[in-house]
Amino acid sequence: MRLTYFIIIFCLLLLTTACKEPEVENFFITKENHETDIENWYNNRISSLKSENGWLNLVGLYWFEQDSNRLGRNEEFELLVDDESFPEFFGTFEKVGKQVYFNPEIDGIKIGDELITEKVLVFDPENDFSPTITYGTYRMSVLQRSDLVGLRLRNVESGLIKDFQGIDRFPVNMEWRFEARLIPYEPAKEIPISNVLGQTYPAQALGKVSFGYQGRVYSLDALEEGDQLFLIFADGTSGAETYGGGRYLYTQKADENGIVILDFNKAFNPPCVFTPFATCPLPPRQNILELAIEAGEKNWGK
């Protein structure tokens, strides 16, 4: 009878354990596994930078100041491309209300697998439509930043990609990996975010991520980006070892207990570090930490 009793208790314990929901991310990790995790993250980061949609192949950013904007190497054009390999007259981008149309001047231009031979719609913000236009090694698409609408130009064979040797980093250190807590704003709080263009726009902060270090508590407003939290911050290393415009950090959303794993070893440079053709958001005032976070990426090219 006693044996049967213990067997029943044991089975109940197994069932209870099996029914527990998995944690979003386990804070407890070995030093070796942590180093492997950071190295894998860094390798993926470099691959992303070098990819066709990465930041290393940007070669131009042109804002439409007229309703009709010609693109090419002609100095009289509204959108001048300083590249001898680029066509003399590529085509014209026409603003019609909030939409943008493209009228090609040469053969061989595609959107997807389709050759473009006549005027086509290439930007419609109300339907989140902005396809990539391709020609040889060039890629371009229309973008909007607040009241500015323009064209981003890429060359997938950019010399920067070929010469890129990686990014200096602080040594991986588990001291900069925190079990933090998300203190939600209910409802989400609208905060102003400025960018390198001098624009300021509203963003929704889900809450603040709070963590403790050497007896003090620090917090960062967290924005929502897909299934992750996005942190834009500056710290005591900004403008010295790291980029003066701050750094970025993604983390998983909080688990059911409000816990967030905050690993500054994954802090990375904004794209403006690599190219003048990006429109990087800057840290809000409340995300400037009185703390030197000696973890993650250092400034590049310095």
Foldseek 3Di string as FASTA:
>chain_A
DVVVVVVVVVVVVVVVVVPDDDFPDDLDDDPVVLVVVLVVLQVVVLVQLLDPPHLQFWDDKAWDPDQKFWEACDPVTNHHRPDPVTHRTAWIWGDDPPWIKTAGDDWQKDFPPDTDHGIDTQDDVVVPHWTWIDHVQKIKTWDDDVPIIIMIIGGSVDPRSVPDDGFDWFPFDSLQKFFWFWDADVCWDWDWWAWPVRDIDTFTFGGWIWTDDPHDIAIFGWGDDPQWTKTFAAEPCDPPFADVQTWIDIWGAATPVRITTGHQLATGHDSVLNDVNDTDIGGDPSRYYHHDDRHHTTRPPD
